[in-house]
Protein backbone atom coordinates (compact mmCIF):
# COMPACT_ATOMS: atom_id res chain seq x y z
CA MET A 1 45.79 133.29 74.22
CA ALA A 2 46.59 136.11 76.63
CA GLU A 3 50.19 136.45 77.79
CA ILE A 4 50.81 135.48 81.41
CA PHE A 5 51.38 138.57 83.52
CA ASP A 6 54.89 138.97 84.91
CA PRO A 7 55.29 141.94 87.29
CA SER A 8 59.06 141.99 86.72
CA THR A 9 58.62 142.80 83.01
CA HIS A 10 55.05 143.98 82.36
CA PRO A 11 53.83 147.48 83.19
CA HIS A 12 51.29 147.62 85.98
CA ARG A 13 49.68 150.01 88.42
CA ARG A 14 50.37 149.49 92.11
CA CYS A 15 48.32 150.62 95.04
CA ALA A 16 48.89 149.95 98.69
CA CYS A 17 45.39 148.97 99.56
CA LEU A 18 43.36 146.98 102.00
CA ALA A 19 43.24 144.19 99.45
CA PHE A 20 47.05 143.85 99.76
CA PHE A 21 46.76 143.23 103.49
CA LEU A 22 43.76 140.93 103.02
CA ASN A 23 45.61 138.80 100.50
CA THR A 24 48.56 138.32 102.85
CA HIS A 25 46.16 136.77 105.36
CA ASN A 26 44.40 134.58 102.75
CA GLN A 27 41.24 136.64 103.06
CA LYS A 28 38.85 137.04 100.16
CA CYS A 29 38.85 140.54 98.71
CA SER A 30 37.22 142.43 95.87
CA PHE A 31 37.82 145.71 94.09
CA ASP A 32 35.43 147.30 96.57
CA PHE A 33 38.31 147.25 99.05
CA PHE A 34 40.77 149.10 96.88
CA ALA A 35 42.07 152.42 98.11
CA ASP A 36 45.16 154.38 97.18
CA ASN A 37 48.57 154.35 98.89
CA PRO A 38 47.62 154.21 102.56
CA LEU A 39 50.00 157.01 103.53
CA THR A 40 49.56 159.43 100.62
CA ASN A 41 46.45 158.25 98.71
CA GLU A 42 48.45 157.92 95.50
CA HIS A 43 49.07 155.15 92.99
CA VAL A 44 52.28 154.39 91.12
CA ILE A 45 52.77 152.98 87.61
CA VAL A 46 55.57 150.39 87.41
CA SER A 47 57.17 150.00 83.95
CA PRO A 48 60.17 147.63 84.34
CA HIS A 49 60.60 147.17 80.59
CA ARG A 50 61.54 150.86 80.24
CA ASN A 51 64.88 150.22 81.89
CA LYS A 52 66.05 148.88 78.52
CA ARG A 53 65.54 152.17 76.70
CA PRO A 54 68.67 154.07 75.59
CA TRP A 55 69.54 157.24 77.50
CA LEU A 56 70.72 160.37 75.70
CA GLY A 57 69.45 162.80 78.33
CA GLN A 58 71.12 164.72 81.11
CA VAL A 59 74.16 163.17 82.78
CA GLU A 60 75.28 164.51 86.14
CA PRO A 61 78.95 165.47 86.61
CA PRO A 62 81.03 162.92 88.56
CA GLN A 63 80.95 163.50 92.30
CA ASN A 64 84.08 164.39 94.20
CA ASP A 65 84.58 161.65 96.81
CA LYS A 66 88.03 162.92 97.79
CA LEU A 67 87.16 165.68 100.21
CA PRO A 68 89.62 167.08 102.77
CA GLN A 69 89.14 166.36 106.46
CA TYR A 70 89.03 170.11 107.04
CA ASP A 71 88.11 172.81 104.54
CA PRO A 72 89.02 176.40 105.51
CA ALA A 73 86.32 177.68 103.12
CA CYS A 74 83.56 175.54 104.67
CA TYR A 75 81.36 177.46 107.08
CA LEU A 76 80.38 174.23 108.88
CA CYS A 77 83.92 173.14 109.72
CA PRO A 78 84.97 173.84 113.33
CA GLY A 79 86.14 177.38 114.03
CA ASN A 80 85.20 178.81 110.63
CA THR A 81 83.10 181.91 109.99
CA ARG A 82 79.71 181.32 108.36
CA ALA A 83 78.30 183.28 105.42
CA GLY A 84 76.28 185.53 107.72
CA GLY A 85 79.37 186.53 109.71
CA LYS A 86 78.72 184.32 112.75
CA LYS A 87 81.40 181.89 113.84
CA THR A 88 80.97 178.13 114.07
CA GLU A 89 82.39 177.03 117.39
CA VAL A 90 85.17 174.48 117.65
CA TYR A 91 83.29 171.23 118.34
CA GLU A 92 84.33 167.60 118.80
CA HIS A 93 81.16 165.66 117.91
CA THR A 94 77.86 167.23 116.84
CA TYR A 95 77.05 170.93 116.71
CA ILE A 96 73.69 172.68 116.36
CA PHE A 97 72.86 176.30 115.54
CA GLU A 98 69.94 178.34 114.23
CA ASN A 99 69.98 178.62 110.44
CA ASP A 100 71.42 181.96 109.38
CA TYR A 101 68.94 182.03 106.47
CA ALA A 102 65.84 180.50 108.06
CA ALA A 103 62.81 179.80 105.86
CA VAL A 104 60.41 180.54 108.74
CA LEU A 105 60.82 183.01 111.58
CA PRO A 106 59.92 182.68 115.26
CA PRO A 107 56.69 184.13 116.67
CA PRO A 108 55.14 186.58 117.21
CA MET A 109 53.76 186.59 113.68
CA PRO A 110 52.08 189.53 111.96
CA GLU A 111 48.32 189.49 111.52
CA ALA A 112 47.00 187.91 108.35
CA PRO A 113 46.14 190.36 105.57
CA ILE A 114 42.61 190.74 104.30
CA ASN A 115 42.06 188.19 101.53
CA PRO A 116 41.23 189.78 98.16
CA HIS A 117 39.16 186.68 97.23
CA HIS A 118 38.07 183.47 98.94
CA LEU A 119 40.35 181.51 96.56
CA LEU A 120 43.32 183.73 97.39
CA THR A 121 44.09 183.29 101.07
CA THR A 122 47.21 184.07 103.07
CA LYS A 123 48.05 182.81 106.56
CA PRO A 124 51.24 183.72 108.43
CA ILE A 125 53.49 180.84 109.46
CA GLY A 126 56.12 180.87 112.17
CA GLY A 127 58.72 178.56 113.60
CA ASP A 128 62.45 177.99 113.62
CA CYS A 129 65.08 176.38 111.39
CA ASP A 130 68.03 174.63 113.00
CA VAL A 131 71.13 173.07 111.44
CA LEU A 132 72.66 169.95 113.01
CA ILE A 133 76.26 169.23 111.99
CA PHE A 134 76.85 165.50 112.27
CA HIS A 135 80.64 165.46 112.71
CA PRO A 136 83.63 167.84 112.65
CA ARG A 137 85.23 165.91 109.76
CA HIS A 138 84.33 167.55 106.45
CA ASP A 139 84.67 164.26 104.55
CA LEU A 140 82.61 161.85 106.69
CA THR A 141 78.93 161.35 105.88
CA ILE A 142 76.70 158.97 107.86
CA PRO A 143 77.80 155.77 106.04
CA ARG A 144 81.40 156.38 107.12
CA LEU A 145 80.70 157.35 110.72
CA LEU A 146 81.16 155.04 113.69
CA ILE A 147 78.01 153.67 115.32
CA GLU A 148 78.64 155.78 118.43
CA ASP A 149 78.83 158.89 116.23
CA ILE A 150 75.44 158.04 114.69
CA GLU A 151 74.05 157.45 118.18
CA ARG A 152 75.10 161.02 119.07
CA ILE A 153 73.16 162.30 116.05
CA ILE A 154 70.07 160.39 117.20
CA GLU A 155 70.39 161.87 120.69
CA GLU A 156 70.59 165.37 119.20
CA TRP A 157 67.52 164.66 117.06
CA ILE A 158 65.63 163.68 120.20
CA LYS A 159 66.80 166.76 122.13
CA ILE A 160 65.84 169.24 119.41
CA TYR A 161 62.54 167.44 118.74
CA VAL A 162 61.62 167.76 122.42
CA ARG A 163 62.94 171.31 122.80
CA ARG A 164 61.34 172.80 119.71
CA GLY A 165 58.20 170.70 120.07
CA SER A 166 57.70 172.05 123.58
CA GLU A 167 57.77 175.70 122.50
CA GLU A 168 54.53 177.65 122.61
CA GLY A 169 52.63 177.65 119.31
CA ILE A 170 54.74 174.95 117.62
CA LYS A 171 52.58 172.23 116.04
CA HIS A 172 55.16 170.17 114.11
CA VAL A 173 58.89 169.43 114.14
CA GLN A 174 60.40 168.10 110.92
CA ILE A 175 63.83 166.44 110.98
CA PHE A 176 65.48 165.86 107.60
CA GLU A 177 68.73 165.54 105.69
CA ASN A 178 69.54 166.49 102.10
CA LYS A 179 72.65 164.60 100.99
CA GLY A 180 74.37 165.47 97.73
CA ALA A 181 74.33 168.43 95.39
CA MET A 182 71.70 166.86 93.11
CA MET A 183 69.29 166.89 96.07
CA GLY A 184 69.89 170.58 96.69
CA CYS A 185 72.47 170.27 99.46
CA SER A 186 74.46 173.52 99.48
CA ASN A 187 77.41 172.20 101.50
CA PRO A 188 79.00 168.71 101.44
CA HIS A 189 79.93 168.85 105.13
CA PRO A 190 77.74 166.19 106.84
CA HIS A 191 74.69 167.90 108.32
CA GLY A 192 70.92 167.83 108.53
CA GLN A 193 68.17 170.27 109.43
CA ILE A 194 65.27 170.60 111.83
CA TRP A 195 62.40 172.92 110.95
CA SER A 196 59.59 173.60 113.41
CA PHE A 197 56.26 175.06 112.35
CA THR A 198 53.18 176.71 113.81
CA ASN A 199 51.12 174.38 111.60
CA VAL A 200 51.32 170.72 110.56
CA PRO A 201 52.70 170.62 106.97
CA THR A 202 50.80 168.98 104.13
CA LEU A 203 52.55 165.61 103.80
CA PRO A 204 52.73 164.71 107.52
CA ALA A 205 49.13 165.89 107.90
CA HIS A 206 47.99 163.55 105.12
CA GLU A 207 49.88 160.65 106.66
CA MET A 208 48.42 161.34 110.10
CA ALA A 209 44.88 161.53 108.72
CA ASN A 210 45.32 158.16 107.00
CA LEU A 211 46.86 156.57 110.10
CA ILE A 212 43.89 157.81 112.14
CA ASP A 213 41.39 156.49 109.56
CA TYR A 214 43.09 153.08 109.58
CA SER A 215 43.03 152.92 113.38
CA HIS A 216 39.27 153.47 113.38
CA SER A 217 38.56 150.88 110.66
CA VAL A 218 37.80 147.18 110.95
CA HIS A 219 40.50 144.84 109.61
CA PRO A 220 41.12 141.08 109.44
CA PRO A 221 42.71 139.39 112.48
CA SER A 222 46.46 139.97 112.68
CA ASP A 223 49.43 139.21 114.93
CA ALA A 224 50.94 142.62 114.20
CA PRO A 225 51.66 145.00 117.09
CA ARG A 226 48.78 147.33 117.90
CA GLY A 227 48.62 151.06 118.44
CA PRO A 228 47.33 152.93 121.48
CA HIS A 229 44.30 151.43 123.22
CA GLY A 230 44.73 148.25 121.18
CA LYS A 231 43.70 149.91 117.92
CA PRO A 232 45.18 148.72 114.61
CA CYS A 233 48.22 150.58 113.27
CA LEU A 234 48.70 150.78 109.51
CA LEU A 235 52.49 150.84 109.65
CA CYS A 236 52.72 148.17 112.35
CA GLU A 237 50.63 145.96 110.05
CA TYR A 238 52.72 146.78 107.00
CA ALA A 239 56.05 146.18 108.78
CA HIS A 240 54.71 142.91 110.23
CA THR A 241 53.63 141.81 106.75
CA GLU A 242 57.00 142.51 105.16
CA VAL A 243 58.95 140.83 107.98
CA ASN A 244 56.80 137.79 108.67
CA ILE A 245 54.70 136.91 105.64
CA GLY A 246 56.49 134.73 103.07
CA GLY A 247 56.90 135.79 99.47
CA THR A 248 57.82 139.42 100.10
CA ASP A 249 61.13 140.43 98.53
CA ARG A 250 61.22 144.09 99.43
CA VAL A 251 63.22 143.85 102.67
CA VAL A 252 66.68 145.36 102.23
CA VAL A 253 68.04 144.85 105.75
CA LYS A 254 66.62 144.03 109.17
CA ASN A 255 68.01 143.93 112.69
CA GLY A 256 66.54 143.26 116.11
CA HIS A 257 64.18 146.26 116.12
CA TRP A 258 64.12 147.93 112.70
CA VAL A 259 63.38 146.91 109.11
CA ALA A 260 64.27 148.77 105.91
CA VAL A 261 62.14 148.01 102.86
CA VAL A 262 61.69 149.33 99.36
CA PRO A 263 57.96 149.83 99.93
CA TRP A 264 55.31 148.25 97.75
CA TRP A 265 54.26 151.73 96.62
CA ALA A 266 57.79 153.21 96.16
CA TYR A 267 58.15 156.05 93.67
CA TRP A 268 61.90 156.78 93.73
CA PRO A 269 64.06 154.03 92.16
CA PHE A 270 65.83 152.97 95.38
CA GLU A 271 63.43 154.50 97.88
CA ILE A 272 63.52 153.07 101.41
CA LEU A 273 60.98 153.09 104.20
CA LEU A 274 62.66 152.47 107.57
CA LEU A 275 60.54 151.66 110.61
CA PRO A 276 60.47 149.71 113.88
CA TYR A 277 58.55 146.43 113.60
CA ARG A 278 58.51 144.86 117.07
CA ARG A 279 56.22 147.37 118.77
CA HIS A 280 54.25 150.53 118.11
CA ILE A 281 56.53 153.57 118.62
CA PRO A 282 55.01 157.05 118.17
CA SER A 283 58.27 159.05 118.08
CA ILE A 284 62.03 159.04 118.62
CA PHE A 285 61.28 160.33 122.14
CA HIS A 286 59.83 156.87 122.89
CA LEU A 287 62.93 154.85 121.89
CA THR A 288 64.67 152.70 124.48
CA PRO A 289 68.51 152.74 124.68
CA GLU A 290 68.62 149.39 122.88
CA GLU A 291 66.32 150.66 120.12
CA LYS A 292 68.52 153.75 119.67
CA THR A 293 71.64 151.61 119.19
CA SER A 294 69.72 149.39 116.79
CA PHE A 295 68.55 152.54 114.96
CA ALA A 296 72.15 153.73 114.55
CA ASP A 297 73.18 150.29 113.32
CA ILE A 298 70.56 150.11 110.59
CA LEU A 299 71.16 153.71 109.47
CA SER A 300 74.80 152.74 108.96
CA LYS A 301 73.86 149.62 106.99
CA ILE A 302 71.33 151.38 104.78
CA THR A 303 73.59 154.28 103.85
CA LYS A 304 76.60 152.02 103.23
CA ARG A 305 74.52 150.00 100.79
CA TYR A 306 73.42 153.21 99.09
CA ASP A 307 77.01 154.40 98.60
CA ASN A 308 78.15 150.94 97.46
CA LEU A 309 75.38 150.61 94.85
CA PHE A 310 77.15 152.89 92.36
CA SER A 311 80.44 153.42 94.27
CA CYS A 312 79.66 157.06 94.98
CA SER A 313 78.41 159.31 97.75
CA PHE A 314 74.78 158.40 97.12
CA ALA A 315 72.43 161.40 97.11
CA TYR A 316 69.10 161.31 98.93
CA SER A 317 66.61 163.26 100.94
CA MET A 318 65.70 161.67 104.26
CA GLY A 319 62.92 162.70 106.62
CA ILE A 320 61.60 161.45 109.95
CA HIS A 321 57.82 161.21 110.31
CA GLN A 322 56.39 160.70 113.78
CA ARG A 323 53.88 162.33 116.10
CA PRO A 324 54.03 166.07 115.27
CA ILE A 325 55.28 167.19 118.69
CA PRO A 326 56.13 165.25 121.85
CA LEU A 327 54.20 165.08 125.07
CA SER A 328 56.02 165.96 128.28
CA SER A 329 56.81 162.28 128.95
CA PRO A 330 57.00 159.11 126.83
CA GLU A 331 54.58 157.52 129.34
CA GLU A 332 51.82 160.00 128.44
CA THR A 333 49.47 159.31 125.55
CA ASP A 334 46.89 161.08 123.40
CA GLU A 335 45.27 160.74 119.98
CA ASP A 336 48.49 161.69 118.12
CA ASP A 337 50.14 158.50 119.42
CA VAL A 338 48.46 156.75 116.49
CA ALA A 339 51.53 157.98 114.57
CA HIS A 340 54.16 155.27 114.03
CA LEU A 341 57.77 156.42 113.79
CA HIS A 342 59.25 155.93 110.31
CA LEU A 343 61.85 157.40 107.97
CA HIS A 344 61.57 158.06 104.24
CA PHE A 345 64.69 157.90 102.06
CA SER A 346 64.08 159.41 98.60
CA PRO A 347 67.17 159.02 96.38
CA PRO A 348 67.17 160.23 92.75
CA LEU A 349 69.82 157.98 91.17
CA LEU A 350 68.44 155.43 88.71
CA ARG A 351 70.96 153.79 86.36
CA SER A 352 74.36 154.93 87.59
CA ALA A 353 76.15 157.55 89.65
CA THR A 354 75.47 160.09 86.89
CA VAL A 355 71.94 159.25 85.63
CA LYS A 356 69.05 160.20 87.89
CA LYS A 357 65.29 159.92 87.76
CA PHE A 358 63.40 163.07 86.82
CA MET A 359 59.99 164.08 88.06
CA ALA A 360 58.70 165.18 84.68
CA GLY A 361 55.60 165.22 82.47
CA ILE A 362 53.66 162.13 83.49
CA GLU A 363 54.54 162.48 87.19
CA LEU A 364 53.67 166.19 87.26
CA MET A 365 50.54 165.94 85.13
CA ALA A 366 49.12 162.47 85.76
CA GLU A 367 50.56 159.83 88.10
CA SER A 368 53.81 158.63 89.67
CA GLN A 369 55.82 156.18 87.55
CA ARG A 370 58.94 154.06 88.14
CA ASP A 371 61.08 151.92 85.84
CA ILE A 372 62.30 149.10 88.08
CA THR A 373 60.12 147.15 90.48
CA PRO A 374 60.55 147.64 94.23
CA GLU A 375 61.55 143.97 94.45
CA GLN A 376 64.34 144.44 91.89
CA ALA A 377 65.58 147.55 93.70
CA ALA A 378 65.56 145.77 97.07
CA GLN A 379 67.51 142.83 95.65
CA ARG A 380 70.21 145.10 94.26
CA LEU A 381 70.55 146.88 97.61
CA ARG A 382 70.60 143.58 99.54
CA GLU A 383 73.47 142.39 97.36
CA CYS A 384 75.59 145.44 98.25
CA SER A 385 78.31 145.03 100.85
CA GLU A 386 78.06 146.46 104.35
CA ILE A 387 81.72 147.49 104.10
CA HIS A 388 81.98 150.92 102.51
CA TYR A 389 83.68 150.91 99.13
CA MET A 390 86.10 153.66 100.19
CA ASP A 391 87.16 151.65 103.24
CA VAL A 392 87.85 148.66 101.00
CA SER A 393 89.93 150.79 98.64
CA GLU A 394 91.99 152.11 101.56
CA GLU A 395 92.87 148.64 102.87
């Protein structure tokens, strides 16, 4: 007799597909409906039993949580000289400057060279790279900032998104943060980056194409918020499903406007998808004052849980996906408003503060794979305190 399938122990292949949404509404579905992850067109293999295997591989060095409030050698601390010789001004809250070692350079761009072969093409790319310092304190990352400090960061994100997105030739503005040395962060001082491009990069372009396809497709009746012109929105539907349909255990934390989930299709062990669930919101430019405060609140709660999971400064890469560039006013609309504002958190840690997940053979050559289920990861994060472990130790 065949063993009864248990997704918490048996390996299985997950796809975020139309059948998932049909099932949540008690609609009949067949394999004809199956598609890949609706945002990236990828599947993921879930192998929860592998978490029992012994680990004799690489172990990361312990992280230094005891940083000074001011580091004279840090080029992001107020008043210090940066590596390129320019001086960081004395600032009291946030501070933004153009990256001294930008990956892309502002227009005008040189003409494209003649391609030696149709498979070997080169196209110039332009843009700007900005650095946003979150706080003058060298030792305070987002989980240890006050809500009003996080609100200032959000306001700066909006300003730079609008400013860079309004420049001639710019097609996309990408806001992101790399936190922790194991995610490639070159300086522990709390900061993020904003890169603007004269093209729409690969991953956001794929997401936008899938959001557009979903908006033009026919779907079962739903009470989820709708996108522009009453069209269905993939991420509105997904957020509505996780928040309102019983039996989903992937919600980590929710407040009045935002929900953080370990998504059904998560690849990274404790990956989080953060998005507004009450209405369709194309970009951070469209947020109301109440939604901004709620945004700051949930960013604080997510990142505190991350740090508390292994009692360390939890490494991650975070990126904001939204409409590529803003219109001149939030009241305007066009076809890019099909985008639904959301944030991806991709953290590498798997078993402890020193053992991370590697993107290796099977992921590079075949298909994404994870060891713990999204539901198990969400439960562990839900169980973490919203009081930072370092604040508890200082009491």
